[in-house]
C-alpha atoms as a PDB file:
ATOM      1  CA  GLN A   1       0.134  -0.102   0.009  1.00  0.00           C
ATOM      2  CA  VAL A   2       1.549   3.348  -1.135  1.00  0.00           C
ATOM      3  CA  ARG A   3       1.166   6.285   1.337  1.00  0.00           C
ATOM      4  CA  LEU A   4       2.018   9.659   0.565  1.00  0.00           C
ATOM      5  CA  VAL A   5       2.548  12.218   3.690  1.00  0.00           C
ATOM      6  CA  GLU A   6       3.004  15.907   2.906  1.00  0.00           C
ATOM      7  CA  SER A   7       4.700  18.111   5.516  1.00  0.00           C
ATOM      8  CA  GLY A   8       6.281  21.666   5.542  1.00  0.00           C
ATOM      9  CA  GLY A   9       3.002  23.817   5.383  1.00  0.00           C
ATOM     10  CA  GLY A  10       1.999  26.557   7.856  1.00  0.00           C
ATOM     11  CA  LEU A  11       1.143  30.441   7.823  1.00  0.00           C
ATOM     12  CA  VAL A  12       3.931  32.791   6.417  1.00  0.00           C
ATOM     13  CA  GLN A  13       3.888  36.662   5.418  1.00  0.00           C
ATOM     14  CA  ALA A  14       3.773  37.285   1.785  1.00  0.00           C
ATOM     15  CA  GLY A  15       7.342  37.497   0.341  1.00  0.00           C
ATOM     16  CA  GLU A  16       8.494  34.568   2.488  1.00  0.00           C
ATOM     17  CA  SER A  17       9.483  31.088   1.477  1.00  0.00           C
ATOM     18  CA  LEU A  18       8.261  27.543   2.297  1.00  0.00           C
ATOM     19  CA  THR A  19       9.384  24.178   1.319  1.00  0.00           C
ATOM     20  CA  LEU A  20       7.005  21.333   1.119  1.00  0.00           C
ATOM     21  CA  ALA A  21       8.187  17.728   1.376  1.00  0.00           C
ATOM     22  CA  CYS A  22       6.266  14.606   0.187  1.00  0.00           C
ATOM     23  CA  GLU A  23       7.451  11.328   1.642  1.00  0.00           C
ATOM     24  CA  ALA A  24       6.495   8.031   0.060  1.00  0.00           C
ATOM     25  CA  THR A  25       6.177   4.775   1.546  1.00  0.00           C
ATOM     26  CA  GLY A  26       7.236   3.324  -1.447  1.00  0.00           C
ATOM     27  CA  ASP A  27      10.289   3.459  -4.068  1.00  0.00           C
ATOM     28  CA  ILE A  28       9.630   6.511  -5.851  1.00  0.00           C
ATOM     29  CA  ALA A  29      11.802   5.413  -8.769  1.00  0.00           C
ATOM     30  CA  THR A  30       8.876   3.019  -9.565  1.00  0.00           C
ATOM     31  CA  PHE A  31       6.421   5.923  -9.938  1.00  0.00           C
ATOM     32  CA  ASN A  32       5.970   7.433 -13.578  1.00  0.00           C
ATOM     33  CA  VAL A  33       5.343  10.938 -12.275  1.00  0.00           C
ATOM     34  CA  MET A  34       5.065  12.428  -9.112  1.00  0.00           C
ATOM     35  CA  SER A  35       3.355  16.058  -8.654  1.00  0.00           C
ATOM     36  CA  TRP A  36       2.192  19.015  -6.499  1.00  0.00           C
ATOM     37  CA  HIS A  37      -1.280  20.195  -6.897  1.00  0.00           C
ATOM     38  CA  ARG A  38      -3.080  22.944  -4.891  1.00  0.00           C
ATOM     39  CA  GLN A  39      -6.720  23.618  -4.078  1.00  0.00           C
ATOM     40  CA  ALA A  40      -7.754  27.088  -2.806  1.00  0.00           C
ATOM     41  CA  PRO A  41     -10.909  27.651  -1.071  1.00  0.00           C
ATOM     42  CA  GLY A  42     -13.960  27.577  -3.456  1.00  0.00           C
ATOM     43  CA  LYS A  43     -11.671  26.719  -6.257  1.00  0.00           C
ATOM     44  CA  GLU A  44     -10.920  23.552  -8.426  1.00  0.00           C
ATOM     45  CA  ARG A  45      -7.463  21.583  -7.746  1.00  0.00           C
ATOM     46  CA  GLU A  46      -4.798  22.538  -9.820  1.00  0.00           C
ATOM     47  CA  MET A  47      -1.302  20.974 -10.814  1.00  0.00           C
ATOM     48  CA  VAL A  48       1.592  23.097  -9.605  1.00  0.00           C
ATOM     49  CA  ALA A  49       4.554  20.745 -10.946  1.00  0.00           C
ATOM     50  CA  TYR A  50       5.340  17.291 -11.991  1.00  0.00           C
ATOM     51  CA  ILE A  51       8.723  15.587 -12.172  1.00  0.00           C
ATOM     52  CA  THR A  52       8.859  12.505 -14.039  1.00  0.00           C
ATOM     53  CA  SER A  53      10.960   9.324 -13.144  1.00  0.00           C
ATOM     54  CA  GLY A  54      13.443  10.456 -15.731  1.00  0.00           C
ATOM     55  CA  GLY A  55      13.927  14.069 -13.979  1.00  0.00           C
ATOM     56  CA  SER A  56      12.185  16.019 -16.123  1.00  0.00           C
ATOM     57  CA  ILE A  57      10.234  19.028 -14.755  1.00  0.00           C
ATOM     58  CA  ASN A  58       7.515  21.091 -15.829  1.00  0.00           C
ATOM     59  CA  GLY A  59       4.548  23.136 -14.269  1.00  0.00           C
ATOM     60  CA  LYS A  60       2.079  25.716 -14.318  1.00  0.00           C
ATOM     61  CA  ASN A  61       3.535  28.523 -16.378  1.00  0.00           C
ATOM     62  CA  THR A  62       2.530  31.479 -13.949  1.00  0.00           C
ATOM     63  CA  LEU A  63       4.461  29.704 -11.217  1.00  0.00           C
ATOM     64  CA  LYS A  64       7.568  28.760 -12.537  1.00  0.00           C
ATOM     65  CA  GLY A  65       9.707  31.432 -11.464  1.00  0.00           C
ATOM     66  CA  ARG A  66       8.846  31.203  -7.999  1.00  0.00           C
ATOM     67  CA  PHE A  67       8.164  27.368  -7.337  1.00  0.00           C
ATOM     68  CA  THR A  68      10.559  24.738  -7.910  1.00  0.00           C
ATOM     69  CA  ILE A  69      10.135  20.690  -7.648  1.00  0.00           C
ATOM     70  CA  SER A  70      12.743  18.458  -7.025  1.00  0.00           C
ATOM     71  CA  LYS A  71      13.277  14.824  -5.717  1.00  0.00           C
ATOM     72  CA  ASP A  72      15.638  12.877  -3.564  1.00  0.00           C
ATOM     73  CA  THR A  73      15.158   9.109  -4.583  1.00  0.00           C
ATOM     74  CA  ALA A  74      17.305   7.835  -1.831  1.00  0.00           C
ATOM     75  CA  LYS A  75      14.864   9.476   0.836  1.00  0.00           C
ATOM     76  CA  ASN A  76      11.583   8.733  -1.210  1.00  0.00           C
ATOM     77  CA  ARG A  77      10.818  12.324  -1.237  1.00  0.00           C
ATOM     78  CA  ILE A  78       9.971  15.167  -3.306  1.00  0.00           C
ATOM     79  CA  TYR A  79       9.956  18.835  -2.400  1.00  0.00           C
ATOM     80  CA  LEU A  80       8.328  21.893  -3.589  1.00  0.00           C
ATOM     81  CA  GLN A  81      10.295  25.173  -2.827  1.00  0.00           C
ATOM     82  CA  MET A  82       8.019  28.124  -3.055  1.00  0.00           C
ATOM     83  CA  ASN A  83       9.588  31.560  -3.100  1.00  0.00           C
ATOM     84  CA  SER A  84       8.169  35.096  -2.841  1.00  0.00           C
ATOM     85  CA  LEU A  85       4.702  33.619  -1.595  1.00  0.00           C
ATOM     86  CA  ILE A  86       1.722  35.700  -2.033  1.00  0.00           C
ATOM     87  CA  PRO A  87      -1.706  35.661  -0.600  1.00  0.00           C
ATOM     88  CA  GLU A  88      -2.950  34.134  -3.716  1.00  0.00           C
ATOM     89  CA  ASP A  89      -0.832  30.832  -3.079  1.00  0.00           C
ATOM     90  CA  THR A  90      -2.788  30.148  -0.255  1.00  0.00           C
ATOM     91  CA  ALA A  91      -4.478  26.513  -0.643  1.00  0.00           C
ATOM     92  CA  VAL A  92      -4.006  23.179   0.558  1.00  0.00           C
ATOM     93  CA  TYR A  93      -1.100  21.420  -1.378  1.00  0.00           C
ATOM     94  CA  TYR A  94      -1.367  17.781  -2.126  1.00  0.00           C
ATOM     95  CA  CYS A  95       1.174  15.264  -3.271  1.00  0.00           C
ATOM     96  CA  ASN A  96       0.167  12.819  -5.867  1.00  0.00           C
ATOM     97  CA  ALA A  97       2.133   9.859  -7.485  1.00  0.00           C
ATOM     98  CA  THR A  98       1.049   7.846 -10.540  1.00  0.00           C
ATOM     99  CA  ALA A  99       2.375   4.552 -11.596  1.00  0.00           C
ATOM    100  CA  SER A 100       1.189   2.648 -14.678  1.00  0.00           C
ATOM    101  CA  THR A 101      -2.265   1.652 -13.509  1.00  0.00           C
ATOM    102  CA  SER A 102      -2.669   3.506 -10.010  1.00  0.00           C
ATOM    103  CA  ASP A 103      -2.879   6.774  -9.042  1.00  0.00           C
ATOM    104  CA  TYR A 104      -2.159   8.086  -5.143  1.00  0.00           C
ATOM    105  CA  TRP A 105      -2.834  11.116  -3.303  1.00  0.00           C
ATOM    106  CA  GLY A 106      -1.840  12.458   0.032  1.00  0.00           C
ATOM    107  CA  ARG A 107      -4.089  14.016   2.578  1.00  0.00           C
ATOM    108  CA  GLY A 108      -2.449  17.572   2.076  1.00  0.00           C
ATOM    109  CA  THR A 109      -0.915  20.028   3.787  1.00  0.00           C
ATOM    110  CA  GLN A 110      -2.061  23.883   4.445  1.00  0.00           C
ATOM    111  CA  VAL A 111      -0.391  26.872   3.172  1.00  0.00           C
ATOM    112  CA  THR A 112      -1.527  30.196   4.258  1.00  0.00           C
ATOM    113  CA  VAL A 113       0.120  33.400   3.132  1.00  0.00           C
ATOM    114  CA  SER A 114      -0.988  36.585   4.932  1.00  0.00           C
ATOM    115  CA  SER A 115      -0.643  39.892   3.377  1.00  0.00           C
END
């Protein structure tokens, strides 16, 4: 059974940084893609950034200059470095992992950015 556990969320002021971590119980090398998504109050969940098993990275265009995804295969973790946070980044951030026929989600971590 694969479990994804997010951590690192919290309350910060605008302009500050946070790094989120997602730890998988399984070997992340077996996942085709791992990604970060977020859902703000009253809005649909959106993809923030993803990283493939081969290390290719992509993400939401409007966030590319501030958000960076990375992974540490040895620790079975992916990270989301978020810089210059703005109140519009307030959301629950979720980790996702996809294998050939399976899709896994974490429970999310709350990020709140005050102005």
